[in-house]
Amino acid sequence: MLEKLAMMSINTNAAALGALRNLEANHKWLQTLQERIATGYEVGSITDDAATYSIAQRMRGDLAGIRASLDSIDRATVAVDVAVVATETISDILIEMKGKMASLISAQKNNDDLAAEAYTRDLDAYRDQIKSIISSASFNGTNLIDHGNDVISALANSDGSDTLDFGHQDLSFGGALITLTDDQDYSMDEINNSIDNVNRAMSHFGTASRRLEIQREFASKLHDVVERGIGRLVDADLARTAADLQAAQIKEQLGIVALNIANQTPRTLLALFQND
C-alpha cells in the first residue's frame, strides 16, 4: 500500500509557514526576556499579568500610605521629644529653685536681707529661664507645653483611619501645673507642687515618645514586608531570565536556519520538470 505523501505546492510552503510561525513566537519571547532584564520586572504592566499587576498596584498604594505614616510618626516624635527635653530641663530648674527657696527661707529667718535679696534674684532668673524654655519648646509651629491647646497626632495605619493622639500639657506660669506666678511671692509649697506636676507632664511625654517609637518600629517592619511581597509578585528572577535569554537566542538562530531550509523546498519542484 502506498503511503500518502504531503502535497508539494509552489503557491503554499507549509514548512516555511511553520518555521516562520515558530521564529516569530521565539522572537516575541526574546523581546520579553530582554525587557525583563532591562526593567527588572517580570510583571511590568497590566498586559503581562492582569491579576498579579492589579494586586501589586494595590500593595504599592498600601506602601505609599505606610511611608506617609512613617513621615507622620517622625514629625510627631520630634514634637514630643522637644516637649520631653523641655519638661526635663524645667524639672531640673525647679529642683534648683527648691534649693534656693530653702536658702531664702533661712536667710529671711536670720534677717539676712542681702542674702535674701540675692536668693530672690536667683529665683527670678530661674523663673525667667523656665518661661523662655516654655515659649521656645515648639516644632513646626506646635508647642505642647505653653498656654495654648496644641495636640499632636500621628498616622497609625496606611489609610489614615487610625491615629495616635497626644494631648497638651499647660506648663505656663500661674496655670494648673506650674502654680508659680510672675511676682516674687515664692513659696516652698508652690515649688513642690510644680515639681510634682511637671514630673507628671514629663512622664506623659515620655510615654508618648515610647509609643511613637514602638509604632514606628512596627510600621518600618510592615513597610519592608509589603515591599518584599511586591518584589515576589513582579520582580524578575534575573538568573533564570539570563539562562532563558541564551536559550532563546540559540532558538532564534536555529529558527532562521529552519526557515532557510524550508524556503529551499520549492526549488526541489524544478527537479520534477527537468529532463535527463
Protein backbone atom coordinates (compact mmCIF):
# COMPACT_ATOMS: atom_id res chain seq x y z
CA MET A 1 0.00 0.00 0.00
CA LEU A 2 1.42 3.37 -0.99
CA GLU A 3 1.99 5.88 1.81
CA LYS A 4 0.20 9.21 1.47
CA LEU A 5 2.72 11.89 0.53
CA ALA A 6 2.48 15.54 1.52
CA MET A 7 1.31 17.73 -1.30
CA MET A 8 4.04 19.83 -2.86
CA SER A 9 2.81 23.25 -3.98
CA ILE A 10 4.52 26.24 -5.50
CA ASN A 11 1.86 28.55 -4.04
CA THR A 12 1.87 27.36 -0.40
CA ASN A 13 5.03 26.44 1.51
CA ALA A 14 3.63 24.80 4.65
CA ALA A 15 7.07 24.08 6.06
CA ALA A 16 8.13 27.71 5.68
CA LEU A 17 4.92 28.93 7.30
CA GLY A 18 5.50 26.66 10.29
CA ALA A 19 9.14 27.70 10.60
CA LEU A 20 8.16 31.38 10.32
CA ARG A 21 5.48 30.97 12.99
CA ASN A 22 7.97 29.37 15.38
CA LEU A 23 10.54 32.06 14.62
CA GLU A 24 8.05 34.86 15.33
CA ALA A 25 6.94 33.26 18.62
CA ASN A 26 10.53 32.84 19.76
CA HIS A 27 11.38 36.41 18.72
CA LYS A 28 8.47 37.72 20.82
CA TRP A 29 9.68 35.65 23.79
CA LEU A 30 13.19 37.02 23.24
CA GLN A 31 11.85 40.58 23.38
CA THR A 32 10.00 39.74 26.61
CA LEU A 33 13.19 38.42 28.20
CA GLN A 34 15.17 41.47 27.10
CA GLU A 35 12.52 43.75 28.60
CA ARG A 36 12.65 41.84 31.90
CA ILE A 37 16.41 42.26 32.04
CA ALA A 38 16.16 45.97 31.20
CA THR A 39 13.44 46.73 33.77
CA GLY A 40 14.00 44.03 36.37
CA TYR A 41 10.27 43.22 36.30
CA GLU A 42 8.60 40.00 35.23
CA VAL A 43 5.23 41.74 35.54
CA GLY A 44 5.87 45.30 34.46
CA SER A 45 2.47 46.22 33.05
CA ILE A 46 -1.15 45.13 33.06
CA THR A 47 -0.60 43.25 29.79
CA ASP A 48 1.96 40.91 31.38
CA ASP A 49 -0.39 39.54 34.05
CA ALA A 50 -3.56 41.48 34.81
CA ALA A 51 -4.35 39.84 38.16
CA THR A 52 -0.81 39.99 39.55
CA TYR A 53 -0.28 43.56 38.36
CA SER A 54 -3.55 44.71 39.98
CA ILE A 55 -2.58 43.11 43.29
CA ALA A 56 0.87 44.69 43.10
CA GLN A 57 -0.61 48.11 42.39
CA ARG A 58 -2.87 47.83 45.44
CA MET A 59 0.11 46.85 47.54
CA ARG A 60 2.04 49.82 46.17
CA GLY A 61 -0.81 52.03 47.35
CA ASP A 62 -0.55 50.47 50.81
CA LEU A 63 3.20 51.06 50.70
CA ALA A 64 2.70 54.75 49.92
CA GLY A 65 0.30 55.00 52.87
CA ILE A 66 2.84 53.33 55.17
CA ARG A 67 5.51 55.80 54.05
CA ALA A 68 3.13 58.66 54.86
CA SER A 69 2.53 57.08 58.27
CA LEU A 70 6.27 56.87 58.91
CA ASP A 71 6.69 60.54 57.98
CA SER A 72 3.82 61.48 60.28
CA ILE A 73 5.32 59.46 63.14
CA ASP A 74 8.71 61.09 62.62
CA ARG A 75 7.21 64.59 62.79
CA ALA A 76 5.19 63.72 65.89
CA THR A 77 8.26 62.16 67.51
CA VAL A 78 10.28 65.34 67.07
CA ALA A 79 7.48 67.47 68.56
CA VAL A 80 7.12 65.11 71.53
CA ASP A 81 10.87 64.85 72.05
CA VAL A 82 11.08 68.63 72.17
CA ALA A 83 8.46 68.55 74.93
CA VAL A 84 10.39 65.79 76.74
CA VAL A 85 13.62 67.79 76.70
CA ALA A 86 11.79 70.93 77.82
CA THR A 87 10.00 69.25 80.73
CA GLU A 88 13.21 67.53 81.85
CA THR A 89 15.02 70.88 81.86
CA ILE A 90 12.16 72.62 83.66
CA SER A 91 12.09 69.85 86.27
CA ASP A 92 15.83 70.31 86.86
CA ILE A 93 15.40 74.07 87.20
CA LEU A 94 12.51 73.66 89.66
CA ILE A 95 14.72 71.41 91.77
CA GLU A 96 17.36 74.14 91.77
CA MET A 97 14.64 76.62 92.73
CA LYS A 98 13.69 74.41 95.67
CA GLY A 99 17.25 74.63 96.95
CA LYS A 100 17.33 78.40 96.50
CA MET A 101 13.93 78.65 98.20
CA ALA A 102 15.24 76.78 101.22
CA SER A 103 18.21 79.15 101.35
CA LEU A 104 15.87 82.14 101.03
CA ILE A 105 13.75 80.92 103.93
CA SER A 106 16.88 80.50 106.03
CA ALA A 107 18.10 84.00 105.15
CA GLN A 108 14.71 85.51 105.98
CA LYS A 109 14.62 83.77 109.35
CA ASN A 110 18.08 85.13 110.11
CA ASN A 111 17.12 88.63 108.90
CA ASP A 112 19.90 88.49 106.32
CA ASP A 113 18.40 90.90 103.83
CA LEU A 114 21.36 90.92 101.44
CA ALA A 115 21.36 87.15 101.14
CA ALA A 116 17.58 87.07 100.84
CA GLU A 117 17.75 89.61 98.03
CA ALA A 118 20.43 87.57 96.22
CA TYR A 119 18.41 84.35 96.52
CA THR A 120 15.32 86.16 95.27
CA ARG A 121 17.25 87.36 92.20
CA ASP A 122 18.34 83.77 91.57
CA LEU A 123 14.73 82.61 91.80
CA ASP A 124 13.68 85.36 89.40
CA ALA A 125 16.36 84.22 86.96
CA TYR A 126 15.20 80.61 87.20
CA ARG A 127 11.60 81.73 86.67
CA ASP A 128 12.53 83.70 83.55
CA GLN A 129 14.55 80.75 82.25
CA ILE A 130 11.56 78.43 82.63
CA LYS A 131 9.33 80.91 80.81
CA SER A 132 11.88 81.13 77.98
CA ILE A 133 12.04 77.34 77.69
CA ILE A 134 8.24 77.08 77.57
CA SER A 135 7.91 79.68 74.83
CA SER A 136 10.68 78.16 72.69
CA ALA A 137 9.70 74.49 73.07
CA SER A 138 7.98 74.31 69.69
CA PHE A 139 8.47 72.32 66.50
CA ASN A 140 6.91 73.24 63.18
CA GLY A 141 4.58 75.65 64.96
CA THR A 142 3.43 73.10 67.56
CA ASN A 143 4.08 73.79 71.23
CA LEU A 144 2.83 71.12 73.61
CA ILE A 145 3.67 72.87 76.89
CA ASP A 146 2.67 76.51 76.51
CA HIS A 147 -0.68 78.12 77.42
CA GLY A 148 -2.24 77.03 74.10
CA ASN A 149 -4.09 73.85 73.26
CA ASP A 150 -1.95 72.25 70.56
CA VAL A 151 -2.13 68.47 70.24
CA ILE A 152 -0.02 66.13 68.15
CA SER A 153 -1.34 63.24 66.06
CA ALA A 154 0.46 60.56 64.10
CA LEU A 155 -0.97 58.24 61.46
CA ALA A 156 -1.17 54.71 62.84
CA ASN A 157 -2.05 52.92 59.58
CA SER A 158 -1.76 53.28 55.83
CA ASP A 159 -5.23 54.72 55.14
CA GLY A 160 -5.33 57.34 57.91
CA SER A 161 -8.31 55.79 59.66
CA ASP A 162 -6.40 55.38 62.93
CA THR A 163 -4.17 57.88 64.70
CA LEU A 164 -2.04 58.20 67.81
CA ASP A 165 -3.08 61.39 69.62
CA PHE A 166 -1.17 63.07 72.43
CA GLY A 167 -2.57 65.92 74.45
CA HIS A 168 -1.24 69.28 75.55
CA GLN A 169 0.29 69.95 78.98
CA ASP A 170 -0.02 73.59 80.03
CA LEU A 171 3.15 74.49 81.93
CA SER A 172 2.65 78.24 81.75
CA PHE A 173 3.21 80.19 84.98
CA GLY A 174 0.18 80.56 87.18
CA GLY A 175 -1.55 77.65 85.48
CA ALA A 176 -2.80 74.37 86.83
CA LEU A 177 0.58 72.64 86.68
CA ILE A 178 3.15 75.32 87.46
CA THR A 179 1.40 77.32 90.14
CA LEU A 180 4.24 79.83 90.50
CA THR A 181 3.34 83.32 89.33
CA ASP A 182 5.29 86.16 87.75
CA ASP A 183 5.62 88.05 91.03
CA GLN A 184 8.31 87.42 93.67
CA ASP A 185 5.93 85.80 96.12
CA TYR A 186 7.61 82.40 96.07
CA SER A 187 6.61 79.57 98.39
CA MET A 188 8.00 76.10 99.03
CA ASP A 189 4.55 74.51 98.64
CA GLU A 190 4.10 76.00 95.17
CA ILE A 191 7.56 74.86 94.11
CA ASN A 192 6.93 71.32 95.41
CA ASN A 193 3.57 71.16 93.67
CA SER A 194 5.09 72.47 90.48
CA ILE A 195 7.84 69.82 90.61
CA ASP A 196 5.28 67.02 91.02
CA ASN A 197 3.08 68.37 88.23
CA VAL A 198 5.99 68.87 85.82
CA ASN A 199 7.21 65.35 86.55
CA ARG A 200 3.76 64.01 85.64
CA ALA A 201 3.83 66.01 82.42
CA MET A 202 7.33 64.69 81.74
CA SER A 203 6.06 61.13 82.26
CA HIS A 204 3.17 61.84 79.86
CA PHE A 205 5.53 62.90 77.09
CA GLY A 206 7.96 60.10 77.86
CA THR A 207 5.17 57.56 77.42
CA ALA A 208 4.12 59.28 74.20
CA SER A 209 7.68 59.11 72.87
CA ARG A 210 7.90 55.40 73.66
CA ARG A 211 4.55 54.68 71.95
CA LEU A 212 5.70 56.53 68.86
CA GLU A 213 8.96 54.60 68.86
CA ILE A 214 7.10 51.26 69.05
CA GLN A 215 4.67 52.32 66.32
CA ARG A 216 7.50 53.42 64.04
CA GLU A 217 9.33 50.14 64.52
CA PHE A 218 6.16 48.24 63.59
CA ALA A 219 5.43 50.47 60.58
CA SER A 220 9.02 50.12 59.37
CA LYS A 221 8.84 46.32 59.56
CA LEU A 222 5.45 46.35 57.83
CA HIS A 223 6.90 48.55 55.08
CA ASP A 224 9.70 46.04 54.48
CA VAL A 225 7.27 43.08 54.43
CA VAL A 226 4.98 44.76 51.88
CA GLU A 227 7.92 45.83 49.74
CA ARG A 228 9.29 42.29 49.71
CA GLY A 229 5.82 40.99 48.85
CA ILE A 230 5.60 43.28 45.83
CA GLY A 231 9.02 42.08 44.76
CA ARG A 232 7.97 38.44 44.93
CA LEU A 233 4.98 39.22 42.74
CA VAL A 234 6.52 41.33 39.99
CA ASP A 235 10.33 41.13 40.10
CA ALA A 236 12.10 39.00 37.52
CA ASP A 237 14.43 36.16 38.52
CA LEU A 238 17.41 37.56 36.62
CA ALA A 239 19.49 34.38 36.90
CA ARG A 240 16.73 32.33 35.31
CA THR A 241 15.95 35.08 32.82
CA ALA A 242 19.59 35.17 31.70
CA ALA A 243 19.52 31.42 31.11
CA ASP A 244 16.24 31.69 29.20
CA LEU A 245 17.71 34.52 27.13
CA GLN A 246 20.63 32.38 25.99
CA ALA A 247 18.28 29.56 25.07
CA ALA A 248 16.00 31.95 23.16
CA GLN A 249 18.95 33.42 21.24
CA ILE A 250 20.04 29.92 20.19
CA LYS A 251 16.46 29.04 19.22
CA GLU A 252 16.28 32.18 17.10
CA GLN A 253 19.42 31.20 15.21
CA LEU A 254 18.09 27.67 14.70
CA GLY A 255 14.74 29.08 13.60
CA ILE A 256 16.46 31.15 10.92
CA VAL A 257 18.27 28.02 9.71
CA ALA A 258 14.98 26.07 9.67
CA LEU A 259 13.29 28.85 7.70
CA ASN A 260 16.12 28.90 5.17
CA ILE A 261 15.79 25.13 4.71
CA ALA A 262 12.02 25.41 4.33
CA ASN A 263 12.46 28.17 1.76
CA GLN A 264 14.58 25.81 -0.33
CA THR A 265 11.68 23.33 -0.69
CA PRO A 266 10.02 24.95 -3.74
CA ARG A 267 13.28 24.65 -5.63
CA THR A 268 13.07 20.87 -5.44
CA LEU A 269 9.97 21.10 -7.60
CA LEU A 270 12.21 22.10 -10.51
CA ALA A 271 13.75 18.65 -10.48
CA LEU A 272 10.37 17.17 -11.40
CA PHE A 273 10.36 19.11 -14.66
CA GLN A 274 13.96 18.67 -15.68
CA ASN A 275 14.78 16.23 -18.49
CA ASP A 276 17.62 13.78 -18.03
